[in-house]
């Protein structure tokens, strides 16, 4: 299992467009991917799950990967977050 924490710095937080980018990236990996925000954990491959968290700017999130390609999965999600949403926390 690998996990990494990020700080959301995008003005609009995790809204539909970046959430879709995250879900699409997560779908490229075999590993189970989850996103944690305020003690809620959802499947990162589910757009409804990610959107249900309502993650605003200034939030800290954790991404957890568990599976055969977990290292690559965390790196892939990190690239999307750094490009569109935030930075390492």
Protein backbone atom coordinates (compact mmCIF):
# COMPACT_ATOMS: atom_id res chain seq x y z
CA UNK A 1 0.00 0.00 0.00
CA UNK A 2 1.21 3.47 -0.92
CA UNK A 3 -0.27 6.76 0.15
CA UNK A 4 0.46 10.42 -0.42
CA UNK A 5 -1.04 13.63 0.96
CA UNK A 6 -1.78 16.68 -1.16
CA UNK A 7 -2.92 20.26 -0.57
CA UNK A 8 -5.62 21.55 -2.91
CA UNK A 9 -4.64 25.04 -4.09
CA UNK A 10 -6.99 25.47 -7.07
CA UNK A 11 -9.42 28.36 -6.50
CA UNK A 12 -12.43 26.21 -7.31
CA UNK A 13 -11.30 23.12 -5.39
CA UNK A 14 -12.04 19.70 -6.84
CA UNK A 15 -14.92 20.51 -9.20
CA UNK A 16 -16.24 18.47 -12.14
CA UNK A 17 -13.45 18.96 -14.68
CA UNK A 18 -10.44 18.09 -12.49
CA UNK A 19 -12.44 15.35 -10.78
CA UNK A 20 -13.03 13.80 -14.20
CA UNK A 21 -9.29 14.01 -14.95
CA UNK A 22 -8.51 12.26 -11.66
CA UNK A 23 -11.08 9.52 -12.24
CA UNK A 24 -9.88 8.96 -15.82
CA UNK A 25 -6.26 8.70 -14.65
CA UNK A 26 -7.22 6.35 -11.81
CA UNK A 27 -9.01 4.10 -14.30
CA UNK A 28 -5.73 3.48 -16.11
CA UNK A 29 -4.37 1.45 -13.18
CA UNK A 30 -5.22 -1.98 -11.79
CA UNK A 31 -4.63 -0.93 -8.19
CA UNK A 32 -7.48 0.01 -5.91
CA UNK A 33 -7.33 3.80 -5.54
CA UNK A 34 -9.07 5.76 -2.82
CA UNK A 35 -9.22 9.42 -1.90
CA UNK A 36 -9.65 10.49 1.72
CA UNK A 37 -11.01 13.85 2.85
CA UNK A 38 -12.28 14.66 6.37
CA UNK A 39 -12.38 10.99 7.43
CA UNK A 40 -14.44 10.07 4.34
CA UNK A 41 -12.91 7.57 1.95
CA UNK A 42 -14.23 7.02 -1.58
CA UNK A 43 -13.19 5.10 -4.67
CA UNK A 44 -11.05 7.39 -6.84
CA UNK A 45 -12.38 5.58 -9.91
CA UNK A 46 -15.93 6.83 -9.16
CA UNK A 47 -16.80 10.33 -10.36
CA UNK A 48 -19.87 10.40 -8.10
CA UNK A 49 -17.76 9.37 -5.11
CA UNK A 50 -15.12 12.04 -5.75
CA UNK A 51 -17.72 14.76 -6.36
CA UNK A 52 -19.62 13.77 -3.20
CA UNK A 53 -16.64 14.86 -1.08
CA UNK A 54 -17.05 18.53 -2.10
CA UNK A 55 -13.33 19.28 -1.65
CA UNK A 56 -12.68 23.06 -1.47
CA UNK A 57 -9.47 25.07 -1.88
CA UNK A 58 -7.13 24.76 1.10
CA UNK A 59 -8.12 21.16 1.82
CA UNK A 60 -5.73 18.34 2.53
CA UNK A 61 -6.50 15.06 0.83
CA UNK A 62 -4.85 11.68 0.93
CA UNK A 63 -4.62 9.28 -1.99
CA UNK A 64 -4.19 5.59 -1.18
CA UNK A 65 -3.17 2.98 -3.76
CA UNK A 66 -3.15 -0.73 -3.12
CA UNK A 67 -2.23 -3.25 -5.81
CA UNK A 68 0.25 -4.43 -8.38
CA UNK A 69 0.90 -1.00 -9.92
CA UNK A 70 0.40 1.16 -6.81
CA UNK A 71 3.68 3.07 -7.25
CA UNK A 72 2.81 4.07 -10.83
CA UNK A 73 -0.77 4.85 -9.79
CA UNK A 74 0.33 7.29 -7.08
CA UNK A 75 2.73 8.96 -9.52
CA UNK A 76 0.01 9.27 -12.16
CA UNK A 77 -2.48 10.81 -9.73
CA UNK A 78 0.24 13.12 -8.39
CA UNK A 79 0.90 14.43 -11.92
CA UNK A 80 -2.78 15.27 -12.42
CA UNK A 81 -3.04 16.97 -9.03
CA UNK A 82 0.13 19.03 -9.56
CA UNK A 83 -0.99 20.10 -13.03
CA UNK A 84 -4.60 20.99 -12.19
CA UNK A 85 -5.34 21.05 -8.47
CA UNK A 86 -2.54 21.50 -5.99
CA UNK A 87 0.75 20.31 -4.59
CA UNK A 88 2.33 17.79 -2.27
CA UNK A 89 1.47 18.47 1.32
